[in-house]
Amino acid sequence: MSGQRPQFDAFVSARLSALYRYALVLTRNQPDAEDLVHDALVRTASAWWRVRRTDDPEGYVRTTMVRLLVNRRRRPIEERPVATPPETAVPEAGYAAVESAASLEARIRELPPRMRAVLVLRYVDGLAEAEIADVLGISRGTVKSQAARGLYRLRAAVSKGDSPSG
């Protein structure tokens, strides 16, 4: 069983995009295609010991997707549309964090390449100043000044509430 997982992972890595395109043709929309591929791969993973012996594991997954889709369409839909929703949507606290992170990422992309590289290497990859200097082929002083200037620009943009593109 332990030797089967790497084989399955390799199969998924190699064929996922093709399976997704196939599901997209079947379902005609992205969310349903993603669900269909996921469900088919979950079933395939549980039977991988048997599937890997066939000549066509991708064909097995495709057949599974078609059968899952047909079975879904046979079942009656439990949802019933109503004039007003029974509950109102409540914004999740995570939305603000995601929007803030996206805004910060856009602002980081606007920094000059070397400044951006210094900040990413320092705060994302966690490298020390000396390591950053070696990676970029610059002095430690340049690393320090680029980091300071980059942080200053980001703080100024955040405090002013500027939009990322101006």
C-alpha atoms as a PDB file:
ATOM      1  CA  MET A   1       0.000   0.000   0.000  1.00  0.00           C
ATOM      2  CA  SER A   2       2.811   2.447   0.815  1.00  0.00           C
ATOM      3  CA  GLY A   3       4.369   1.985  -2.643  1.00  0.00           C
ATOM      4  CA  GLN A   4       1.109   2.837  -4.368  1.00  0.00           C
ATOM      5  CA  ARG A   5       0.796   6.419  -3.130  1.00  0.00           C
ATOM      6  CA  PRO A   6       3.814   7.779  -5.068  1.00  0.00           C
ATOM      7  CA  GLN A   7       2.560   6.066  -8.234  1.00  0.00           C
ATOM      8  CA  PHE A   8      -0.876   7.609  -7.799  1.00  0.00           C
ATOM      9  CA  ASP A   9       0.612  11.040  -7.060  1.00  0.00           C
ATOM     10  CA  ALA A  10       2.755  10.801 -10.196  1.00  0.00           C
ATOM     11  CA  PHE A  11      -0.289   9.852 -12.264  1.00  0.00           C
ATOM     12  CA  VAL A  12      -2.289  12.793 -10.887  1.00  0.00           C
ATOM     13  CA  SER A  13       0.577  15.214 -11.483  1.00  0.00           C
ATOM     14  CA  ALA A  14       0.961  14.066 -15.061  1.00  0.00           C
ATOM     15  CA  ARG A  15      -2.709  13.887 -16.050  1.00  0.00           C
ATOM     16  CA  LEU A  16      -4.599  16.372 -13.842  1.00  0.00           C
ATOM     17  CA  SER A  17      -4.885  19.129 -16.436  1.00  0.00           C
ATOM     18  CA  ALA A  18      -6.168  16.696 -19.084  1.00  0.00           C
ATOM     19  CA  LEU A  19      -8.683  15.245 -16.626  1.00  0.00           C
ATOM     20  CA  TYR A  20      -9.830  18.735 -15.667  1.00  0.00           C
ATOM     21  CA  ARG A  21     -10.341  19.696 -19.336  1.00  0.00           C
ATOM     22  CA  TYR A  22     -12.355  16.507 -19.847  1.00  0.00           C
ATOM     23  CA  ALA A  23     -14.516  17.309 -16.811  1.00  0.00           C
ATOM     24  CA  LEU A  24     -14.973  20.870 -18.038  1.00  0.00           C
ATOM     25  CA  VAL A  25     -16.332  19.560 -21.337  1.00  0.00           C
ATOM     26  CA  LEU A  26     -18.678  17.251 -19.456  1.00  0.00           C
ATOM     27  CA  THR A  27     -19.989  19.778 -16.936  1.00  0.00           C
ATOM     28  CA  ARG A  28     -19.569  23.076 -18.841  1.00  0.00           C
ATOM     29  CA  ASN A  29     -18.612  25.012 -15.705  1.00  0.00           C
ATOM     30  CA  GLN A  30     -15.558  25.314 -13.528  1.00  0.00           C
ATOM     31  CA  PRO A  31     -16.940  24.511 -10.047  1.00  0.00           C
ATOM     32  CA  ASP A  32     -18.708  21.348 -11.186  1.00  0.00           C
ATOM     33  CA  ALA A  33     -15.655  20.272 -13.202  1.00  0.00           C
ATOM     34  CA  GLU A  34     -13.413  20.689 -10.161  1.00  0.00           C
ATOM     35  CA  ASP A  35     -15.836  18.689  -8.006  1.00  0.00           C
ATOM     36  CA  LEU A  36     -16.103  15.965 -10.611  1.00  0.00           C
ATOM     37  CA  VAL A  37     -12.342  15.558 -10.977  1.00  0.00           C
ATOM     38  CA  HIS A  38     -11.921  15.550  -7.204  1.00  0.00           C
ATOM     39  CA  ASP A  39     -14.601  12.915  -6.630  1.00  0.00           C
ATOM     40  CA  ALA A  40     -13.269  10.715  -9.434  1.00  0.00           C
ATOM     41  CA  LEU A  41      -9.709  10.919  -8.124  1.00  0.00           C
ATOM     42  CA  VAL A  42     -10.850  10.097  -4.585  1.00  0.00           C
ATOM     43  CA  ARG A  43     -12.524   6.971  -5.887  1.00  0.00           C
ATOM     44  CA  THR A  44      -9.538   6.113  -8.051  1.00  0.00           C
ATOM     45  CA  ALA A  45      -7.140   6.525  -5.137  1.00  0.00           C
ATOM     46  CA  SER A  46      -9.081   4.024  -3.056  1.00  0.00           C
ATOM     47  CA  ALA A  47      -8.925   1.487  -5.892  1.00  0.00           C
ATOM     48  CA  TRP A  48      -5.458   2.378  -7.193  1.00  0.00           C
ATOM     49  CA  TRP A  49      -4.096  -1.090  -6.404  1.00  0.00           C
ATOM     50  CA  ARG A  50      -6.503  -2.426  -9.024  1.00  0.00           C
ATOM     51  CA  VAL A  51      -6.430   0.517 -11.438  1.00  0.00           C
ATOM     52  CA  ARG A  52      -2.653   0.640 -11.833  1.00  0.00           C
ATOM     53  CA  ARG A  53      -2.689  -2.882 -13.285  1.00  0.00           C
ATOM     54  CA  THR A  54      -4.871  -1.800 -16.187  1.00  0.00           C
ATOM     55  CA  ASP A  55      -3.396  -0.527 -19.423  1.00  0.00           C
ATOM     56  CA  ASP A  56      -5.346   2.732 -19.206  1.00  0.00           C
ATOM     57  CA  PRO A  57      -5.668   4.337 -15.753  1.00  0.00           C
ATOM     58  CA  GLU A  58      -6.750   7.628 -17.330  1.00  0.00           C
ATOM     59  CA  GLY A  59      -9.571   5.813 -19.100  1.00  0.00           C
ATOM     60  CA  TYR A  60     -10.645   4.412 -15.744  1.00  0.00           C
ATOM     61  CA  VAL A  61     -10.784   7.913 -14.240  1.00  0.00           C
ATOM     62  CA  ARG A  62     -12.701   9.261 -17.254  1.00  0.00           C
ATOM     63  CA  THR A  63     -15.215   6.436 -17.023  1.00  0.00           C
ATOM     64  CA  THR A  64     -15.584   7.155 -13.311  1.00  0.00           C
ATOM     65  CA  MET A  65     -16.243  10.831 -14.078  1.00  0.00           C
ATOM     66  CA  VAL A  66     -18.944   9.983 -16.607  1.00  0.00           C
ATOM     67  CA  ARG A  67     -20.629   7.570 -14.209  1.00  0.00           C
ATOM     68  CA  LEU A  68     -20.490  10.095 -11.361  1.00  0.00           C
ATOM     69  CA  LEU A  69     -22.003  12.769 -13.590  1.00  0.00           C
ATOM     70  CA  VAL A  70     -24.800  10.491 -14.780  1.00  0.00           C
ATOM     71  CA  ASN A  71     -25.589   9.432 -11.220  1.00  0.00           C
ATOM     72  CA  ARG A  72     -25.718  13.054 -10.062  1.00  0.00           C
ATOM     73  CA  ARG A  73     -28.188  13.912 -12.772  1.00  0.00           C
ATOM     74  CA  ARG A  74     -30.417  10.965 -11.882  1.00  0.00           C
ATOM     75  CA  ARG A  75     -30.824  12.122  -8.311  1.00  0.00           C
ATOM     76  CA  PRO A  76     -33.604  14.624  -7.720  1.00  0.00           C
ATOM     77  CA  ILE A  77     -32.420  18.087  -6.819  1.00  0.00           C
ATOM     78  CA  GLU A  78     -33.104  18.794  -3.171  1.00  0.00           C
ATOM     79  CA  GLU A  79     -32.814  22.562  -3.487  1.00  0.00           C
ATOM     80  CA  ARG A  80     -35.920  24.639  -4.040  1.00  0.00           C
ATOM     81  CA  PRO A  81     -35.643  28.279  -5.038  1.00  0.00           C
ATOM     82  CA  VAL A  82     -37.441  30.755  -2.807  1.00  0.00           C
ATOM     83  CA  ALA A  83     -38.219  34.439  -3.202  1.00  0.00           C
ATOM     84  CA  THR A  84     -36.137  35.512  -0.219  1.00  0.00           C
ATOM     85  CA  PRO A  85     -33.223  33.627   1.256  1.00  0.00           C
ATOM     86  CA  PRO A  86     -33.858  32.159   4.695  1.00  0.00           C
ATOM     87  CA  GLU A  87     -30.759  33.849   6.064  1.00  0.00           C
ATOM     88  CA  THR A  88     -28.616  36.776   5.134  1.00  0.00           C
ATOM     89  CA  ALA A  89     -24.977  36.502   4.199  1.00  0.00           C
ATOM     90  CA  VAL A  90     -22.528  37.476   6.883  1.00  0.00           C
ATOM     91  CA  PRO A  91     -19.132  38.689   5.706  1.00  0.00           C
ATOM     92  CA  GLU A  92     -16.404  36.450   7.028  1.00  0.00           C
ATOM     93  CA  ALA A  93     -13.537  37.959   8.947  1.00  0.00           C
ATOM     94  CA  GLY A  94     -11.128  36.223   6.594  1.00  0.00           C
ATOM     95  CA  TYR A  95     -12.300  38.333   3.641  1.00  0.00           C
ATOM     96  CA  ALA A  96     -10.637  41.476   4.936  1.00  0.00           C
ATOM     97  CA  ALA A  97      -7.372  39.611   5.468  1.00  0.00           C
ATOM     98  CA  VAL A  98      -7.470  38.184   1.941  1.00  0.00           C
ATOM     99  CA  GLU A  99      -8.259  41.566   0.407  1.00  0.00           C
ATOM    100  CA  SER A 100      -5.502  43.165   2.452  1.00  0.00           C
ATOM    101  CA  ALA A 101      -2.997  40.504   1.412  1.00  0.00           C
ATOM    102  CA  ALA A 102      -3.972  40.911  -2.257  1.00  0.00           C
ATOM    103  CA  SER A 103      -3.546  44.670  -1.997  1.00  0.00           C
ATOM    104  CA  LEU A 104      -0.156  44.275  -0.340  1.00  0.00           C
ATOM    105  CA  GLU A 105       0.926  41.773  -2.982  1.00  0.00           C
ATOM    106  CA  ALA A 106      -0.050  44.231  -5.720  1.00  0.00           C
ATOM    107  CA  ARG A 107       1.958  46.984  -4.028  1.00  0.00           C
ATOM    108  CA  ILE A 108       4.967  44.689  -3.683  1.00  0.00           C
ATOM    109  CA  ARG A 109       4.786  43.935  -7.425  1.00  0.00           C
ATOM    110  CA  GLU A 110       5.125  47.665  -8.129  1.00  0.00           C
ATOM    111  CA  LEU A 111       8.460  47.928  -6.320  1.00  0.00           C
ATOM    112  CA  PRO A 112      11.654  47.916  -8.400  1.00  0.00           C
ATOM    113  CA  PRO A 113      12.907  44.365  -9.058  1.00  0.00           C
ATOM    114  CA  ARG A 114      15.920  44.421  -6.712  1.00  0.00           C
ATOM    115  CA  MET A 115      13.932  46.005  -3.875  1.00  0.00           C
ATOM    116  CA  ARG A 116      11.153  43.456  -4.359  1.00  0.00           C
ATOM    117  CA  ALA A 117      13.707  40.618  -4.405  1.00  0.00           C
ATOM    118  CA  VAL A 118      15.314  41.818  -1.170  1.00  0.00           C
ATOM    119  CA  LEU A 119      11.942  42.000   0.623  1.00  0.00           C
ATOM    120  CA  VAL A 120      10.786  38.617  -0.629  1.00  0.00           C
ATOM    121  CA  LEU A 121      14.064  36.914   0.253  1.00  0.00           C
ATOM    122  CA  ARG A 122      14.062  38.529   3.700  1.00  0.00           C
ATOM    123  CA  TYR A 123      10.439  38.263   4.785  1.00  0.00           C
ATOM    124  CA  VAL A 124       9.081  35.361   2.763  1.00  0.00           C
ATOM    125  CA  ASP A 125      12.115  33.084   2.491  1.00  0.00           C
ATOM    126  CA  GLY A 126      13.557  34.231   5.847  1.00  0.00           C
ATOM    127  CA  LEU A 127      17.110  34.729   4.604  1.00  0.00           C
ATOM    128  CA  ALA A 128      19.643  36.795   6.562  1.00  0.00           C
ATOM    129  CA  GLU A 129      21.198  39.940   5.076  1.00  0.00           C
ATOM    130  CA  ALA A 130      24.448  38.145   4.250  1.00  0.00           C
ATOM    131  CA  GLU A 131      22.584  35.338   2.460  1.00  0.00           C
ATOM    132  CA  ILE A 132      20.520  37.845   0.463  1.00  0.00           C
ATOM    133  CA  ALA A 133      23.699  39.691  -0.495  1.00  0.00           C
ATOM    134  CA  ASP A 134      25.221  36.433  -1.753  1.00  0.00           C
ATOM    135  CA  VAL A 135      22.101  35.421  -3.689  1.00  0.00           C
ATOM    136  CA  LEU A 136      21.714  38.799  -5.395  1.00  0.00           C
ATOM    137  CA  GLY A 137      25.416  39.562  -5.734  1.00  0.00           C
ATOM    138  CA  ILE A 138      25.184  42.880  -3.854  1.00  0.00           C
ATOM    139  CA  SER A 139      26.676  44.230  -0.636  1.00  0.00           C
ATOM    140  CA  ARG A 140      25.043  43.855   2.789  1.00  0.00           C
ATOM    141  CA  GLY A 141      24.689  47.641   2.913  1.00  0.00           C
ATOM    142  CA  THR A 142      22.684  47.572  -0.310  1.00  0.00           C
ATOM    143  CA  VAL A 143      20.487  44.829   1.140  1.00  0.00           C
ATOM    144  CA  LYS A 144      19.833  46.958   4.221  1.00  0.00           C
ATOM    145  CA  SER A 145      19.075  50.119   2.257  1.00  0.00           C
ATOM    146  CA  GLN A 146      16.831  48.330  -0.268  1.00  0.00           C
ATOM    147  CA  ALA A 147      14.900  46.648   2.539  1.00  0.00           C
ATOM    148  CA  ALA A 148      14.485  49.920   4.434  1.00  0.00           C
ATOM    149  CA  ARG A 149      13.340  51.810   1.330  1.00  0.00           C
ATOM    150  CA  GLY A 150      10.979  49.028   0.301  1.00  0.00           C
ATOM    151  CA  LEU A 151       9.361  48.860   3.728  1.00  0.00           C
ATOM    152  CA  TYR A 152       9.079  52.650   3.783  1.00  0.00           C
ATOM    153  CA  ARG A 153       7.279  52.642   0.419  1.00  0.00           C
ATOM    154  CA  LEU A 154       4.922  49.871   1.497  1.00  0.00           C
ATOM    155  CA  ARG A 155       4.100  51.567   4.807  1.00  0.00           C
ATOM    156  CA  ALA A 156       3.476  54.888   3.064  1.00  0.00           C
ATOM    157  CA  ALA A 157       1.168  53.276   0.505  1.00  0.00           C
ATOM    158  CA  VAL A 158      -0.754  51.369   3.185  1.00  0.00           C
ATOM    159  CA  SER A 159      -1.127  54.384   5.465  1.00  0.00           C
ATOM    160  CA  LYS A 160      -2.374  56.572   2.598  1.00  0.00           C
ATOM    161  CA  GLY A 161      -4.695  53.826   1.412  1.00  0.00           C
ATOM    162  CA  ASP A 162      -3.474  54.182  -2.157  1.00  0.00           C
ATOM    163  CA  SER A 163      -4.814  51.824  -4.740  1.00  0.00           C
ATOM    164  CA  PRO A 164      -2.071  49.521  -6.023  1.00  0.00           C
ATOM    165  CA  SER A 165      -1.810  51.146  -9.466  1.00  0.00           C
ATOM    166  CA  GLY A 166      -1.611  54.715  -8.400  1.00  0.00           C
END
